[in-house]
Amino acid sequence: MAKFLSYDIYEINLHKVANDSDLKYLLLQTTNKSLIVIEDLDRYLGEKSTAVSSSGILNFMDGIFSCCGEERVMVFTMNNKENADPNILRPGRIDVHINFPLCDFTAFKSLANSHLGLKDHKLFPQVEEIFQTGASLSQAEICEIMISNRGSPSRALKTVITALQSDLAGRVRMRMREFGSGRGVEESGEFGREGQNGIHPIKEIKNLYGLLRARSSRKASMDKLDVVDVHEKENSHSPQDS
């Protein structure tokens, strides 16, 4: 996103911010055309003792719009937005919600081609079988494994298989605990691989870029109108030729 918009990136680690005042100070230090990133916001808000309060974060988000105009974009990452304060998620504070689903076999093949140069491999059927059993990892996790083992594609695939098997074992244990406590699958918070409401993340990203383009175009049009208005006023006050 930053490359597409030609924006600078500011990453804020809330665990290293002393208090609400320091968070406000950091906001004032950002420049125009910047992308401000705060990761794992839901995990931070879920902690019992935090230096920055929820109201401090809300004031920080509102400050972006009240004092910084439209040349700043805020990005929050969350593992589960259901745990976040609804006041943070409301329109006007967070306008676009993008869900990145876990990796499936189709996405895995694309990653293997991109990072390992593999269009096919004897281990692919085994990987596909594990995906079909319900195991999955995030695309970022699989990319990290492939990049770390780029020199040996076979080792990379075996490491992915081991990680998927470990994930599957964890899911089985979790399901057993849920059914033992009387919870259903819907209560567990899991949803389809295409994301909530069947919306694909790439489509949502395109919508976000469209929104940013529209805002930039509107701002450019307003600036142009201001220039034209000033020019007309200057002409109206200039002496007429005799």
C-alpha atoms as a PDB file:
ATOM      1  CA  MET A   1       0.000   0.000   0.000  1.00  0.00           C
ATOM      2  CA  ALA A   2       2.779   2.408   0.906  1.00  0.00           C
ATOM      3  CA  LYS A   3       4.541   1.719  -2.389  1.00  0.00           C
ATOM      4  CA  PHE A   4       1.317   2.157  -4.350  1.00  0.00           C
ATOM      5  CA  LEU A   5       0.563   5.493  -2.653  1.00  0.00           C
ATOM      6  CA  SER A   6       4.218   6.631  -2.375  1.00  0.00           C
ATOM      7  CA  TYR A   7       3.668   7.122   1.376  1.00  0.00           C
ATOM      8  CA  ASP A   8       6.138   6.848   4.249  1.00  0.00           C
ATOM      9  CA  ILE A   9       5.500   4.114   6.854  1.00  0.00           C
ATOM     10  CA  TYR A  10       5.294   4.676  10.616  1.00  0.00           C
ATOM     11  CA  GLU A  11       4.961   1.537  12.760  1.00  0.00           C
ATOM     12  CA  ILE A  12       3.857   2.166  16.342  1.00  0.00           C
ATOM     13  CA  ASN A  13       4.490  -0.450  19.037  1.00  0.00           C
ATOM     14  CA  LEU A  14       1.924   0.309  21.739  1.00  0.00           C
ATOM     15  CA  HIS A  15       3.879  -1.742  24.289  1.00  0.00           C
ATOM     16  CA  LYS A  16       6.689   0.830  24.068  1.00  0.00           C
ATOM     17  CA  VAL A  17       4.411   3.871  24.450  1.00  0.00           C
ATOM     18  CA  ALA A  18       4.473   5.222  28.006  1.00  0.00           C
ATOM     19  CA  ASN A  19       0.997   6.798  28.148  1.00  0.00           C
ATOM     20  CA  ASP A  20      -1.781   8.497  26.193  1.00  0.00           C
ATOM     21  CA  SER A  21       0.173  11.755  25.955  1.00  0.00           C
ATOM     22  CA  ASP A  22       3.124  10.004  24.333  1.00  0.00           C
ATOM     23  CA  LEU A  23       0.787   8.414  21.790  1.00  0.00           C
ATOM     24  CA  LYS A  24      -0.581  11.851  20.906  1.00  0.00           C
ATOM     25  CA  TYR A  25       2.989  13.158  20.604  1.00  0.00           C
ATOM     26  CA  LEU A  26       3.855  10.364  18.164  1.00  0.00           C
ATOM     27  CA  LEU A  27       0.862  11.329  16.041  1.00  0.00           C
ATOM     28  CA  LEU A  28       2.077  14.913  15.818  1.00  0.00           C
ATOM     29  CA  GLN A  29       5.502  13.705  14.654  1.00  0.00           C
ATOM     30  CA  THR A  30       4.101  11.965  11.567  1.00  0.00           C
ATOM     31  CA  THR A  31       4.329  13.770   8.249  1.00  0.00           C
ATOM     32  CA  ASN A  32       1.936  14.235   5.374  1.00  0.00           C
ATOM     33  CA  LYS A  33       1.524  11.268   3.030  1.00  0.00           C
ATOM     34  CA  SER A  34       2.206   8.661   5.688  1.00  0.00           C
ATOM     35  CA  LEU A  35       0.843   5.200   6.489  1.00  0.00           C
ATOM     36  CA  ILE A  36       0.589   4.531  10.238  1.00  0.00           C
ATOM     37  CA  VAL A  37       0.614   0.855  11.264  1.00  0.00           C
ATOM     38  CA  ILE A  38      -0.415  -0.613  14.629  1.00  0.00           C
ATOM     39  CA  GLU A  39      -0.225  -4.407  14.791  1.00  0.00           C
ATOM     40  CA  ASP A  40      -2.150  -6.853  17.016  1.00  0.00           C
ATOM     41  CA  LEU A  41      -4.481  -4.176  18.368  1.00  0.00           C
ATOM     42  CA  ASP A  42      -6.960  -6.742  19.726  1.00  0.00           C
ATOM     43  CA  ARG A  43      -4.256  -8.517  21.704  1.00  0.00           C
ATOM     44  CA  TYR A  44      -3.060  -5.239  23.205  1.00  0.00           C
ATOM     45  CA  LEU A  45      -6.562  -4.171  24.233  1.00  0.00           C
ATOM     46  CA  GLY A  46      -7.157  -7.613  25.744  1.00  0.00           C
ATOM     47  CA  GLU A  47      -4.283  -7.258  28.193  1.00  0.00           C
ATOM     48  CA  LYS A  48      -5.243  -6.425  31.776  1.00  0.00           C
ATOM     49  CA  SER A  49      -2.691  -3.668  32.335  1.00  0.00           C
ATOM     50  CA  THR A  50      -1.750  -1.379  29.472  1.00  0.00           C
ATOM     51  CA  ALA A  51       0.028   1.967  29.458  1.00  0.00           C
ATOM     52  CA  VAL A  52      -2.241   3.354  26.735  1.00  0.00           C
ATOM     53  CA  SER A  53      -5.964   3.330  27.492  1.00  0.00           C
ATOM     54  CA  SER A  54      -8.799   2.549  25.094  1.00  0.00           C
ATOM     55  CA  SER A  55      -9.865   6.191  25.230  1.00  0.00           C
ATOM     56  CA  GLY A  56      -6.302   7.193  24.361  1.00  0.00           C
ATOM     57  CA  ILE A  57      -6.425   5.005  21.254  1.00  0.00           C
ATOM     58  CA  LEU A  58      -9.831   6.440  20.297  1.00  0.00           C
ATOM     59  CA  ASN A  59      -8.486   9.980  20.684  1.00  0.00           C
ATOM     60  CA  PHE A  60      -5.453   8.989  18.618  1.00  0.00           C
ATOM     61  CA  MET A  61      -7.676   7.702  15.807  1.00  0.00           C
ATOM     62  CA  ASP A  62      -9.918  10.769  15.908  1.00  0.00           C
ATOM     63  CA  GLY A  63      -6.855  12.998  15.873  1.00  0.00           C
ATOM     64  CA  ILE A  64      -5.851  11.590  12.497  1.00  0.00           C
ATOM     65  CA  PHE A  65      -8.988  13.058  10.949  1.00  0.00           C
ATOM     66  CA  SER A  66      -9.298  16.248  12.984  1.00  0.00           C
ATOM     67  CA  CYS A  67      -5.766  17.606  12.633  1.00  0.00           C
ATOM     68  CA  CYS A  68      -4.111  15.698   9.811  1.00  0.00           C
ATOM     69  CA  GLY A  69      -6.484  15.982   6.851  1.00  0.00           C
ATOM     70  CA  GLU A  70      -6.674  13.182   4.318  1.00  0.00           C
ATOM     71  CA  GLU A  71      -2.965  12.509   3.751  1.00  0.00           C
ATOM     72  CA  ARG A  72      -2.612   9.834   6.418  1.00  0.00           C
ATOM     73  CA  VAL A  73      -3.827   6.244   6.342  1.00  0.00           C
ATOM     74  CA  MET A  74      -4.071   4.130   9.488  1.00  0.00           C
ATOM     75  CA  VAL A  75      -3.739   0.341   9.336  1.00  0.00           C
ATOM     76  CA  PHE A  76      -4.613  -1.874  12.304  1.00  0.00           C
ATOM     77  CA  THR A  77      -4.000  -5.622  12.292  1.00  0.00           C
ATOM     78  CA  MET A  78      -6.046  -7.955  14.486  1.00  0.00           C
ATOM     79  CA  ASN A  79      -6.220 -11.698  14.947  1.00  0.00           C
ATOM     80  CA  ASN A  80      -9.876 -11.541  15.949  1.00  0.00           C
ATOM     81  CA  LYS A  81     -11.812  -8.303  15.593  1.00  0.00           C
ATOM     82  CA  GLU A  82     -14.642  -9.779  17.678  1.00  0.00           C
ATOM     83  CA  ASN A  83     -12.488  -9.071  20.744  1.00  0.00           C
ATOM     84  CA  ALA A  84     -12.042  -5.395  19.860  1.00  0.00           C
ATOM     85  CA  ASP A  85     -14.052  -2.493  21.257  1.00  0.00           C
ATOM     86  CA  PRO A  86     -17.006  -1.778  18.896  1.00  0.00           C
ATOM     87  CA  ASN A  87     -16.273   1.951  19.265  1.00  0.00           C
ATOM     88  CA  ILE A  88     -12.918   1.368  17.579  1.00  0.00           C
ATOM     89  CA  LEU A  89     -14.429  -0.579  14.686  1.00  0.00           C
ATOM     90  CA  ARG A  90     -17.243   1.812  13.827  1.00  0.00           C
ATOM     91  CA  PRO A  91     -17.283   3.622  10.432  1.00  0.00           C
ATOM     92  CA  GLY A  92     -15.377   6.877  10.573  1.00  0.00           C
ATOM     93  CA  ARG A  93     -12.587   5.324  12.588  1.00  0.00           C
ATOM     94  CA  ILE A  94     -12.025   2.160  10.558  1.00  0.00           C
ATOM     95  CA  ASP A  95     -13.694   2.474   7.154  1.00  0.00           C
ATOM     96  CA  VAL A  96     -12.445  -0.685   5.435  1.00  0.00           C
ATOM     97  CA  HIS A  97     -12.297  -4.166   7.007  1.00  0.00           C
ATOM     98  CA  ILE A  98     -10.237  -6.763   5.115  1.00  0.00           C
ATOM     99  CA  ASN A  99     -10.120 -10.391   6.190  1.00  0.00           C
ATOM    100  CA  PHE A 100      -7.107 -12.419   5.067  1.00  0.00           C
ATOM    101  CA  PRO A 101      -8.201 -16.068   5.106  1.00  0.00           C
ATOM    102  CA  LEU A 102      -5.878 -18.925   5.925  1.00  0.00           C
ATOM    103  CA  CYS A 103      -3.949 -20.509   3.085  1.00  0.00           C
ATOM    104  CA  ASP A 104      -5.584 -23.274   1.036  1.00  0.00           C
ATOM    105  CA  PHE A 105      -3.974 -25.660  -1.467  1.00  0.00           C
ATOM    106  CA  THR A 106      -4.550 -23.351  -4.445  1.00  0.00           C
ATOM    107  CA  ALA A 107      -2.824 -20.479  -2.673  1.00  0.00           C
ATOM    108  CA  PHE A 108      -0.085 -22.862  -1.517  1.00  0.00           C
ATOM    109  CA  LYS A 109       0.720 -23.850  -5.122  1.00  0.00           C
ATOM    110  CA  SER A 110       0.958 -20.195  -6.090  1.00  0.00           C
ATOM    111  CA  LEU A 111       3.354 -19.531  -3.194  1.00  0.00           C
ATOM    112  CA  ALA A 112       5.461 -22.584  -4.077  1.00  0.00           C
ATOM    113  CA  ASN A 113       5.753 -21.340  -7.643  1.00  0.00           C
ATOM    114  CA  SER A 114       6.690 -17.819  -6.540  1.00  0.00           C
ATOM    115  CA  HIS A 115       9.161 -18.669  -3.764  1.00  0.00           C
ATOM    116  CA  LEU A 116      10.496 -22.098  -4.727  1.00  0.00           C
ATOM    117  CA  GLY A 117      10.038 -22.145  -8.501  1.00  0.00           C
ATOM    118  CA  LEU A 118       7.873 -25.274  -8.215  1.00  0.00           C
ATOM    119  CA  LYS A 119       4.869 -25.869 -10.441  1.00  0.00           C
ATOM    120  CA  ASP A 120       4.614 -29.479  -9.315  1.00  0.00           C
ATOM    121  CA  HIS A 121       6.354 -31.820  -6.870  1.00  0.00           C
ATOM    122  CA  LYS A 122       5.968 -35.384  -5.641  1.00  0.00           C
ATOM    123  CA  LEU A 123       5.009 -34.035  -2.192  1.00  0.00           C
ATOM    124  CA  PHE A 124       2.146 -31.883  -3.520  1.00  0.00           C
ATOM    125  CA  PRO A 125      -0.466 -34.694  -3.174  1.00  0.00           C
ATOM    126  CA  GLN A 126       0.477 -35.117   0.483  1.00  0.00           C
ATOM    127  CA  VAL A 127       0.186 -31.376   1.073  1.00  0.00           C
ATOM    128  CA  GLU A 128      -3.216 -31.314  -0.644  1.00  0.00           C
ATOM    129  CA  GLU A 129      -4.428 -34.217   1.479  1.00  0.00           C
ATOM    130  CA  ILE A 130      -3.495 -32.405   4.688  1.00  0.00           C
ATOM    131  CA  PHE A 131      -5.290 -29.256   3.538  1.00  0.00           C
ATOM    132  CA  GLN A 132      -8.397 -31.347   2.844  1.00  0.00           C
ATOM    133  CA  THR A 133      -8.413 -32.598   6.433  1.00  0.00           C
ATOM    134  CA  GLY A 134      -8.860 -29.014   7.653  1.00  0.00           C
ATOM    135  CA  ALA A 135      -5.292 -28.053   8.512  1.00  0.00           C
ATOM    136  CA  SER A 136      -4.102 -24.628   7.460  1.00  0.00           C
ATOM    137  CA  LEU A 137      -1.631 -21.857   8.164  1.00  0.00           C
ATOM    138  CA  SER A 138      -1.578 -18.209   7.210  1.00  0.00           C
ATOM    139  CA  GLN A 139       0.045 -17.368   3.897  1.00  0.00           C
ATOM    140  CA  ALA A 140       2.640 -15.332   5.797  1.00  0.00           C
ATOM    141  CA  GLU A 141       3.642 -18.391   7.862  1.00  0.00           C
ATOM    142  CA  ILE A 142       3.998 -20.572   4.767  1.00  0.00           C
ATOM    143  CA  CYS A 143       5.966 -17.848   2.963  1.00  0.00           C
ATOM    144  CA  GLU A 144       8.360 -17.622   5.912  1.00  0.00           C
ATOM    145  CA  ILE A 145       8.979 -21.385   5.796  1.00  0.00           C
ATOM    146  CA  MET A 146       9.602 -21.330   2.041  1.00  0.00           C
ATOM    147  CA  ILE A 147      11.932 -18.344   2.183  1.00  0.00           C
ATOM    148  CA  SER A 148      13.928 -19.902   5.044  1.00  0.00           C
ATOM    149  CA  ASN A 149      14.366 -23.114   3.019  1.00  0.00           C
ATOM    150  CA  ARG A 150      14.624 -21.623  -0.455  1.00  0.00           C
ATOM    151  CA  GLY A 151      17.861 -23.505  -1.138  1.00  0.00           C
ATOM    152  CA  SER A 152      16.109 -26.874  -0.732  1.00  0.00           C
ATOM    153  CA  PRO A 153      12.526 -27.010  -2.080  1.00  0.00           C
ATOM    154  CA  SER A 154      12.045 -30.567  -0.774  1.00  0.00           C
ATOM    155  CA  ARG A 155      13.044 -29.521   2.741  1.00  0.00           C
ATOM    156  CA  ALA A 156      10.719 -26.522   2.465  1.00  0.00           C
ATOM    157  CA  LEU A 157       7.758 -28.737   1.553  1.00  0.00           C
ATOM    158  CA  LYS A 158       8.535 -31.227   4.325  1.00  0.00           C
ATOM    159  CA  THR A 159       8.690 -28.360   6.818  1.00  0.00           C
ATOM    160  CA  VAL A 160       5.335 -27.055   5.576  1.00  0.00           C
ATOM    161  CA  ILE A 161       3.850 -30.557   5.956  1.00  0.00           C
ATOM    162  CA  THR A 162       5.143 -30.811   9.531  1.00  0.00           C
ATOM    163  CA  ALA A 163       3.730 -27.385  10.385  1.00  0.00           C
ATOM    164  CA  LEU A 164       0.351 -28.282   8.875  1.00  0.00           C
ATOM    165  CA  GLN A 165       0.246 -31.559  10.804  1.00  0.00           C
ATOM    166  CA  SER A 166       0.989 -29.677  14.012  1.00  0.00           C
ATOM    167  CA  ASP A 167      -1.778 -27.188  13.229  1.00  0.00           C
ATOM    168  CA  LEU A 168      -4.223 -30.025  12.529  1.00  0.00           C
ATOM    169  CA  ALA A 169      -3.405 -31.712  15.838  1.00  0.00           C
ATOM    170  CA  GLY A 170      -4.032 -28.431  17.641  1.00  0.00           C
ATOM    171  CA  ARG A 171      -7.376 -27.969  15.873  1.00  0.00           C
ATOM    172  CA  VAL A 172      -8.465 -31.489  16.844  1.00  0.00           C
ATOM    173  CA  ARG A 173      -7.634 -30.852  20.502  1.00  0.00           C
ATOM    174  CA  MET A 174      -9.521 -27.537  20.387  1.00  0.00           C
ATOM    175  CA  ARG A 175     -12.598 -29.135  18.813  1.00  0.00           C
ATOM    176  CA  MET A 176     -12.609 -31.850  21.478  1.00  0.00           C
ATOM    177  CA  ARG A 177     -12.540 -29.222  24.222  1.00  0.00           C
ATOM    178  CA  GLU A 178     -15.326 -27.229  22.526  1.00  0.00           C
ATOM    179  CA  PHE A 179     -17.609 -30.217  22.088  1.00  0.00           C
ATOM    180  CA  GLY A 180     -16.835 -31.298  25.622  1.00  0.00           C
ATOM    181  CA  SER A 181     -17.987 -27.903  26.913  1.00  0.00           C
ATOM    182  CA  GLY A 182     -21.130 -27.985  24.753  1.00  0.00           C
ATOM    183  CA  ARG A 183     -20.042 -25.306  22.256  1.00  0.00           C
ATOM    184  CA  GLY A 184     -20.923 -25.622  18.590  1.00  0.00           C
ATOM    185  CA  VAL A 185     -18.771 -24.928  15.562  1.00  0.00           C
ATOM    186  CA  GLU A 186     -20.444 -21.564  14.928  1.00  0.00           C
ATOM    187  CA  GLU A 187     -19.637 -20.441  18.472  1.00  0.00           C
ATOM    188  CA  SER A 188     -15.970 -21.226  17.968  1.00  0.00           C
ATOM    189  CA  GLY A 189     -15.610 -18.183  15.691  1.00  0.00           C
ATOM    190  CA  GLU A 190     -14.325 -20.081  12.658  1.00  0.00           C
ATOM    191  CA  PHE A 191     -15.491 -19.031   9.202  1.00  0.00           C
ATOM    192  CA  GLY A 192     -14.951 -19.973   5.575  1.00  0.00           C
ATOM    193  CA  ARG A 193     -11.683 -19.574   3.774  1.00  0.00           C
ATOM    194  CA  GLU A 194     -13.053 -16.788   1.587  1.00  0.00           C
ATOM    195  CA  GLY A 195     -13.557 -14.704   4.712  1.00  0.00           C
ATOM    196  CA  GLN A 196     -16.664 -13.466   6.433  1.00  0.00           C
ATOM    197  CA  ASN A 197     -19.670 -12.914   4.175  1.00  0.00           C
ATOM    198  CA  GLY A 198     -17.770 -14.631   1.351  1.00  0.00           C
ATOM    199  CA  ILE A 199     -15.801 -11.468   0.526  1.00  0.00           C
ATOM    200  CA  HIS A 200     -12.372 -12.063  -0.944  1.00  0.00           C
ATOM    201  CA  PRO A 201      -9.577  -9.874   0.534  1.00  0.00           C
ATOM    202  CA  ILE A 202      -8.182  -8.900  -2.877  1.00  0.00           C
ATOM    203  CA  LYS A 203     -11.548  -7.406  -3.830  1.00  0.00           C
ATOM    204  CA  GLU A 204     -11.614  -5.445  -0.586  1.00  0.00           C
ATOM    205  CA  ILE A 205      -8.092  -4.125  -1.188  1.00  0.00           C
ATOM    206  CA  LYS A 206      -9.136  -2.909  -4.640  1.00  0.00           C
ATOM    207  CA  ASN A 207     -12.102  -1.162  -3.041  1.00  0.00           C
ATOM    208  CA  LEU A 208      -9.723   0.495  -0.571  1.00  0.00           C
ATOM    209  CA  TYR A 209      -7.472   1.743  -3.359  1.00  0.00           C
ATOM    210  CA  GLY A 210     -10.544   3.065  -5.172  1.00  0.00           C
ATOM    211  CA  LEU A 211     -11.559   4.964  -2.043  1.00  0.00           C
ATOM    212  CA  LEU A 212      -8.081   6.461  -1.686  1.00  0.00           C
ATOM    213  CA  ARG A 213      -8.027   7.478  -5.360  1.00  0.00           C
ATOM    214  CA  ALA A 214     -11.427   9.139  -4.987  1.00  0.00           C
ATOM    215  CA  ARG A 215     -10.279  11.105  -1.957  1.00  0.00           C
ATOM    216  CA  SER A 216      -7.071  12.183  -3.694  1.00  0.00           C
ATOM    217  CA  SER A 217      -8.993  13.259  -6.810  1.00  0.00           C
ATOM    218  CA  ARG A 218     -11.486  15.202  -4.709  1.00  0.00           C
ATOM    219  CA  LYS A 219      -8.684  16.969  -2.844  1.00  0.00           C
ATOM    220  CA  ALA A 220      -6.895  17.809  -6.105  1.00  0.00           C
ATOM    221  CA  SER A 221     -10.131  19.200  -7.564  1.00  0.00           C
ATOM    222  CA  MET A 222     -10.696  21.386  -4.497  1.00  0.00           C
ATOM    223  CA  ASP A 223      -7.124  22.705  -4.693  1.00  0.00           C
ATOM    224  CA  LYS A 224      -7.627  23.514  -8.377  1.00  0.00           C
ATOM    225  CA  LEU A 225     -10.875  25.361  -7.625  1.00  0.00           C
ATOM    226  CA  ASP A 226      -9.111  27.392  -4.935  1.00  0.00           C
ATOM    227  CA  VAL A 227      -6.404  28.406  -7.414  1.00  0.00           C
ATOM    228  CA  VAL A 228      -8.976  29.404 -10.040  1.00  0.00           C
ATOM    229  CA  ASP A 229     -10.944  31.375  -7.451  1.00  0.00           C
ATOM    230  CA  VAL A 230      -7.840  33.288  -6.351  1.00  0.00           C
ATOM    231  CA  HIS A 231      -6.942  34.011  -9.979  1.00  0.00           C
ATOM    232  CA  GLU A 232     -10.424  35.381 -10.704  1.00  0.00           C
ATOM    233  CA  LYS A 233     -10.309  37.590  -7.620  1.00  0.00           C
ATOM    234  CA  GLU A 234      -6.950  39.000  -8.686  1.00  0.00           C
ATOM    235  CA  ASN A 235      -8.300  39.781 -12.169  1.00  0.00           C
ATOM    236  CA  SER A 236     -11.395  41.469 -10.734  1.00  0.00           C
ATOM    237  CA  HIS A 237      -9.211  43.839  -8.688  1.00  0.00           C
ATOM    238  CA  SER A 238      -6.717  44.646 -11.461  1.00  0.00           C
ATOM    239  CA  PRO A 239      -7.086  48.072 -13.218  1.00  0.00           C
ATOM    240  CA  GLN A 240      -8.878  48.025 -16.587  1.00  0.00           C
ATOM    241  CA  ASP A 241      -6.937  48.889 -19.734  1.00  0.00           C
ATOM    242  CA  SER A 242      -7.908  52.281 -21.193  1.00  0.00           C
END
